[in-house]
N, C-alpha and C. Protein backbone atom coordinates (compact mmCIF):
# COMPACT_ATOMS: atom_id res chain seq x y z
N MET A 1 123.33 109.62 87.41
CA MET A 1 124.68 110.14 88.37
C MET A 1 123.69 111.08 89.77
N HIS A 2 123.44 112.50 89.11
CA HIS A 2 122.80 113.04 90.17
C HIS A 2 122.22 112.61 91.02
N GLU A 3 121.48 110.65 91.38
CA GLU A 3 121.00 110.21 92.30
C GLU A 3 121.93 110.31 93.90
N TYR A 4 123.34 109.96 93.57
CA TYR A 4 124.36 110.60 94.29
C TYR A 4 124.24 111.35 95.46
N PRO A 5 124.71 112.73 94.98
CA PRO A 5 124.63 113.96 95.66
C PRO A 5 123.29 114.13 96.44
N ILE A 6 121.96 113.66 96.28
CA ILE A 6 120.35 113.60 96.79
C ILE A 6 120.17 112.79 97.71
N THR A 7 121.10 111.62 97.32
CA THR A 7 120.75 109.90 98.21
C THR A 7 121.96 110.60 99.73
N GLN A 8 123.22 111.61 99.34
CA GLN A 8 123.61 112.03 100.05
C GLN A 8 123.35 112.83 101.07
N HIS A 9 122.14 114.12 100.68
CA HIS A 9 121.55 114.98 101.39
C HIS A 9 120.64 114.23 102.44
N ILE A 10 119.74 113.25 101.38
CA ILE A 10 118.74 112.20 102.32
C ILE A 10 119.27 111.93 103.60
N ILE A 11 120.75 111.55 103.65
CA ILE A 11 121.18 110.64 104.87
C ILE A 11 121.50 111.43 105.77
N GLU A 12 122.02 112.64 105.16
CA GLU A 12 122.37 114.08 106.29
C GLU A 12 121.19 114.24 106.88
N MET A 13 120.16 114.73 105.93
CA MET A 13 119.05 115.39 106.53
C MET A 13 118.44 114.51 107.68
N ALA A 14 118.74 113.06 107.87
CA ALA A 14 117.96 112.05 108.82
C ALA A 14 118.84 112.07 109.59
N GLU A 15 119.99 111.67 109.35
CA GLU A 15 121.27 111.76 110.73
C GLU A 15 121.34 113.26 111.12
N LYS A 16 120.97 114.26 110.86
CA LYS A 16 121.13 115.21 111.94
C LYS A 16 119.55 115.29 112.50
N TYR A 17 118.09 114.97 111.90
CA TYR A 17 117.22 114.67 112.85
C TYR A 17 117.33 114.00 113.72
N ALA A 18 118.22 112.42 113.24
CA ALA A 18 118.17 111.69 115.00
C ALA A 18 119.40 112.24 115.91
N LYS A 19 120.51 112.55 115.49
CA LYS A 19 121.25 113.53 115.99
C LYS A 19 120.39 114.28 117.10
N GLU A 20 119.68 115.35 116.98
CA GLU A 20 119.10 116.76 117.02
C GLU A 20 117.56 115.77 118.12
N GLN A 21 117.17 115.03 117.72
CA GLN A 21 116.14 113.60 118.64
C GLN A 21 116.63 112.77 119.51
N GLY A 22 118.13 112.87 119.69
CA GLY A 22 118.69 111.69 120.52
C GLY A 22 118.96 110.51 120.55
N ALA A 23 118.21 109.85 119.72
CA ALA A 23 118.25 108.39 118.58
C ALA A 23 119.63 108.09 118.75
N SER A 24 119.70 106.63 118.66
CA SER A 24 121.07 106.20 118.21
C SER A 24 121.01 105.52 117.11
N SER A 25 119.81 105.36 116.05
CA SER A 25 120.02 104.83 114.92
C SER A 25 118.45 105.26 114.58
N VAL A 26 119.07 105.46 112.54
CA VAL A 26 117.70 105.87 112.16
C VAL A 26 117.24 104.44 111.60
N GLU A 27 116.11 104.31 111.95
CA GLU A 27 115.40 102.78 111.70
C GLU A 27 114.90 103.03 109.59
N ALA A 28 114.16 103.83 109.84
CA ALA A 28 113.83 104.01 108.14
C ALA A 28 113.70 105.27 107.66
N ILE A 29 113.44 104.98 106.87
CA ILE A 29 113.49 106.77 105.76
C ILE A 29 112.10 106.46 104.53
N ASN A 30 111.29 107.30 104.54
CA ASN A 30 110.61 107.06 103.61
C ASN A 30 110.27 108.05 102.71
N LEU A 31 110.34 107.63 101.48
CA LEU A 31 110.56 108.95 100.32
C LEU A 31 109.73 108.72 99.56
N VAL A 32 109.04 109.85 98.49
CA VAL A 32 108.05 110.17 97.88
C VAL A 32 108.69 109.95 96.76
N VAL A 33 108.43 109.23 95.69
CA VAL A 33 109.20 109.83 94.37
C VAL A 33 108.56 109.74 93.40
N GLY A 34 107.69 110.71 92.27
CA GLY A 34 107.23 110.85 90.98
C GLY A 34 108.48 110.32 90.05
N ASP A 35 107.41 109.18 88.96
CA ASP A 35 108.10 108.80 87.95
C ASP A 35 108.63 109.94 87.17
N TYR A 36 108.04 111.51 87.46
CA TYR A 36 108.94 112.15 86.43
C TYR A 36 109.30 113.58 87.25
N SER A 37 109.75 112.98 88.47
CA SER A 37 110.66 113.09 89.17
C SER A 37 112.27 114.61 88.61
N GLY A 38 112.47 113.33 87.43
CA GLY A 38 114.09 113.45 87.40
C GLY A 38 114.80 112.43 88.08
N TYR A 39 114.33 111.90 89.10
CA TYR A 39 115.15 110.69 90.43
C TYR A 39 114.82 110.00 89.76
N VAL A 40 115.46 108.95 90.03
CA VAL A 40 115.32 107.34 89.57
C VAL A 40 115.28 106.69 90.97
N GLY A 41 114.40 106.44 91.43
CA GLY A 41 114.04 105.63 92.68
C GLY A 41 115.36 104.55 92.98
N GLU A 42 115.52 103.43 91.95
CA GLU A 42 116.11 102.62 92.03
C GLU A 42 117.71 102.80 92.29
N SER A 43 118.02 103.86 91.57
CA SER A 43 119.72 104.58 91.70
C SER A 43 119.73 104.56 92.97
N ILE A 44 118.53 105.42 93.53
CA ILE A 44 118.70 106.04 95.23
C ILE A 44 118.55 105.03 96.14
N ASN A 45 117.84 103.81 95.51
CA ASN A 45 118.31 103.07 96.78
C ASN A 45 119.89 102.14 96.36
N LEU A 46 120.16 102.13 95.41
CA LEU A 46 121.75 101.21 95.13
C LEU A 46 123.02 102.17 95.55
N TYR A 47 122.53 103.58 95.62
CA TYR A 47 123.58 104.48 96.13
C TYR A 47 123.28 104.43 97.97
N PHE A 48 121.76 104.55 98.67
CA PHE A 48 121.64 104.20 99.53
C PHE A 48 123.10 103.80 101.02
N ASP A 49 122.96 102.43 100.45
CA ASP A 49 123.36 101.42 101.27
C ASP A 49 125.06 101.90 101.42
N ILE A 50 125.66 102.21 100.02
CA ILE A 50 127.04 102.76 99.89
C ILE A 50 127.19 103.98 100.64
N ILE A 51 126.76 105.23 100.67
CA ILE A 51 126.71 105.87 101.35
C ILE A 51 126.08 106.09 103.09
N ALA A 52 125.45 105.25 102.68
CA ALA A 52 125.23 105.46 104.31
C ALA A 52 125.99 104.57 105.73
N GLU A 53 126.92 104.10 105.01
CA GLU A 53 127.75 103.11 106.02
C GLU A 53 128.58 103.83 106.59
N GLY A 54 128.86 103.45 108.06
CA GLY A 54 129.44 104.33 108.96
C GLY A 54 128.50 105.35 109.56
N THR A 55 127.29 105.56 108.69
CA THR A 55 126.51 106.75 109.84
C THR A 55 125.02 106.22 110.33
N LEU A 56 124.66 106.89 111.17
CA LEU A 56 123.12 106.77 112.17
C LEU A 56 122.41 105.48 111.20
N CYS A 57 122.60 106.33 109.99
CA CYS A 57 121.17 105.39 108.52
C CYS A 57 122.20 103.62 108.10
N GLU A 58 123.13 103.75 108.72
CA GLU A 58 123.76 102.30 108.24
C GLU A 58 123.11 101.21 108.28
N ARG A 59 121.95 100.94 109.38
CA ARG A 59 120.85 99.67 108.66
C ARG A 59 119.87 100.26 108.70
N ALA A 60 119.04 101.87 108.88
CA ALA A 60 117.83 102.43 108.23
C ALA A 60 117.28 101.67 106.86
N LYS A 61 116.01 101.32 107.01
CA LYS A 61 115.22 100.66 105.84
C LYS A 61 114.86 101.58 105.48
N LEU A 62 115.11 101.95 103.74
CA LEU A 62 114.95 102.99 102.31
C LEU A 62 113.42 102.40 101.95
N ASN A 63 112.36 103.26 102.22
CA ASN A 63 111.58 102.70 101.30
C ASN A 63 110.81 103.66 100.73
N ILE A 64 110.58 103.50 99.25
CA ILE A 64 110.74 104.38 98.51
C ILE A 64 108.85 104.38 98.01
N GLU A 65 108.08 105.12 97.83
CA GLU A 65 107.18 105.25 97.44
C GLU A 65 106.80 105.98 95.69
N ARG A 66 106.33 105.48 95.02
CA ARG A 66 106.46 105.61 93.72
C ARG A 66 105.00 106.29 92.89
N VAL A 67 105.26 107.48 92.91
CA VAL A 67 104.00 108.33 92.05
C VAL A 67 103.98 108.15 90.80
N LYS A 68 102.98 107.60 90.27
CA LYS A 68 102.69 107.47 88.28
C LYS A 68 102.44 108.66 88.12
N PRO A 69 102.80 109.20 87.00
CA PRO A 69 102.15 110.02 86.37
C PRO A 69 100.73 110.30 86.22
N LYS A 70 99.71 111.11 85.97
CA LYS A 70 98.27 111.47 85.83
C LYS A 70 98.10 112.30 84.87
N LEU A 71 97.04 112.27 84.21
CA LEU A 71 96.37 113.34 83.49
C LEU A 71 95.51 113.96 84.32
N LYS A 72 95.01 114.96 83.25
CA LYS A 72 93.46 115.48 83.83
C LYS A 72 92.51 115.50 82.47
N CYS A 73 91.67 115.36 82.71
CA CYS A 73 90.36 115.47 81.00
C CYS A 73 89.74 116.84 81.18
N THR A 74 90.26 117.59 80.54
CA THR A 74 90.01 119.06 80.11
C THR A 74 87.85 118.78 80.47
N SER A 75 87.10 117.95 80.14
CA SER A 75 85.91 117.74 79.58
C SER A 75 85.76 117.30 80.95
N CYS A 76 86.06 116.33 81.72
CA CYS A 76 84.78 115.61 82.93
C CYS A 76 85.66 115.83 83.83
N GLY A 77 87.28 116.07 84.14
CA GLY A 77 88.03 116.27 85.35
C GLY A 77 88.43 115.29 85.76
N GLU A 78 88.25 114.10 85.65
CA GLU A 78 88.66 113.25 85.57
C GLU A 78 90.57 112.97 85.72
N TYR A 79 91.29 112.18 86.67
CA TYR A 79 93.07 112.23 86.52
C TYR A 79 92.48 110.36 85.74
N PHE A 80 93.55 109.93 85.74
CA PHE A 80 94.09 109.23 85.05
C PHE A 80 95.15 108.97 84.19
N GLU A 81 95.90 107.92 84.22
CA GLU A 81 97.30 107.48 84.25
C GLU A 81 97.31 106.89 82.53
N ARG A 82 98.30 108.03 81.43
CA ARG A 82 98.23 108.03 79.91
C ARG A 82 98.33 106.39 79.51
N ARG A 83 97.77 105.95 78.77
CA ARG A 83 97.71 104.82 77.88
C ARG A 83 98.93 104.94 76.74
N PRO A 84 99.65 104.04 76.34
CA PRO A 84 100.40 104.44 75.15
C PRO A 84 99.86 104.96 74.24
N PHE A 85 100.15 106.02 73.49
CA PHE A 85 99.68 106.64 72.22
C PHE A 85 98.80 107.19 72.41
N SER A 86 98.36 107.37 73.58
CA SER A 86 96.89 108.37 73.60
C SER A 86 96.62 109.31 74.70
N PHE A 87 96.18 110.32 74.93
CA PHE A 87 95.35 111.33 75.74
C PHE A 87 94.50 111.01 76.03
N GLU A 88 93.52 110.26 75.38
CA GLU A 88 91.82 110.03 75.67
C GLU A 88 91.59 109.18 76.71
N CYS A 89 90.80 110.31 77.40
CA CYS A 89 90.28 110.07 79.02
C CYS A 89 89.37 108.30 78.90
N PRO A 90 89.60 107.50 79.52
CA PRO A 90 88.98 106.94 79.47
C PRO A 90 87.57 106.36 80.61
N TYR A 91 87.15 107.75 80.55
CA TYR A 91 85.97 107.78 81.46
C TYR A 91 85.00 108.28 80.17
N CYS A 92 85.38 109.56 79.84
CA CYS A 92 84.19 109.98 78.77
C CYS A 92 84.86 110.85 77.09
N LYS A 93 86.07 109.91 77.52
CA LYS A 93 86.89 109.94 75.89
C LYS A 93 87.39 111.80 75.63
N GLY A 94 87.07 112.25 76.50
CA GLY A 94 87.87 113.36 76.13
C GLY A 94 89.63 113.99 75.99
N GLU A 95 89.94 114.83 75.97
CA GLU A 95 91.90 115.20 75.79
C GLU A 95 91.50 115.20 77.31
N GLY A 96 93.13 114.33 78.03
CA GLY A 96 93.29 114.56 78.93
C GLY A 96 94.56 115.32 78.67
N GLU A 97 95.31 116.67 79.55
CA GLU A 97 96.38 117.02 79.63
C GLU A 97 97.15 117.05 80.79
N PRO A 98 98.15 117.29 80.70
CA PRO A 98 99.23 116.67 81.78
C PRO A 98 99.02 117.43 83.14
N THR A 99 99.55 117.25 84.37
CA THR A 99 99.25 117.21 85.69
C THR A 99 100.69 117.62 86.02
N GLU A 100 100.57 117.98 87.59
CA GLU A 100 102.20 117.88 88.37
C GLU A 100 102.22 116.43 89.16
N ILE A 101 101.13 115.65 88.81
CA ILE A 101 101.28 114.58 89.58
C ILE A 101 102.27 113.59 89.11
N GLY A 102 102.88 113.15 89.59
CA GLY A 102 104.42 112.38 89.52
C GLY A 102 105.40 113.06 89.12
N LYS A 103 105.60 114.08 89.44
CA LYS A 103 106.48 115.19 89.57
C LYS A 103 107.24 115.45 91.08
N GLU A 104 106.48 114.47 91.76
CA GLU A 104 106.45 114.63 93.43
C GLU A 104 108.33 114.43 93.98
N PHE A 105 108.83 115.03 94.82
CA PHE A 105 109.82 114.26 95.21
C PHE A 105 110.59 114.81 96.72
N TYR A 106 109.84 113.84 97.50
CA TYR A 106 110.45 114.55 99.04
C TYR A 106 110.51 113.54 100.02
N LEU A 107 111.31 114.09 101.32
CA LEU A 107 111.17 112.73 102.31
C LEU A 107 110.26 113.02 102.95
N LYS A 108 109.11 112.15 103.45
CA LYS A 108 108.30 111.57 104.06
C LYS A 108 108.31 111.63 105.19
N SER A 109 108.89 110.87 106.00
CA SER A 109 109.34 110.26 106.89
C SER A 109 110.49 110.18 107.38
N ILE A 110 111.00 110.35 108.47
CA ILE A 110 111.94 109.51 109.15
C ILE A 110 111.90 108.53 110.69
N GLU A 111 112.40 107.78 110.66
CA GLU A 111 111.74 106.99 111.81
C GLU A 111 113.48 106.57 112.52
N ILE A 112 113.10 106.75 113.70
CA ILE A 112 114.44 107.10 114.62
C ILE A 112 114.29 106.24 115.84
N LYS A 113 115.78 105.99 116.29
CA LYS A 113 115.21 104.44 117.43
C LYS A 113 116.42 105.20 118.97
């Protein structure tokens, strides 16, 4: 449920930007959401249409770019997606360690008209 207030904030930011630019509407909002960010893209998408009603974002398209988490091999340095029940590097069989990849959450761009 914590997606509701963040979705509301995203809409407020997009609307403020559109007004500052003299735009009549927001055409698209592009977000980057990592799978380990603590936010669920599908929930943001669900709330978006409800919250955007009556705003400059009412007809905007919400695009969500998902980022899957990656491990970094301590032996060869390659980044890779973890397989279930394993931290093994598919390149050299070394051990993978967690990274910040997959924790992203940011507003990438706002398209206005």
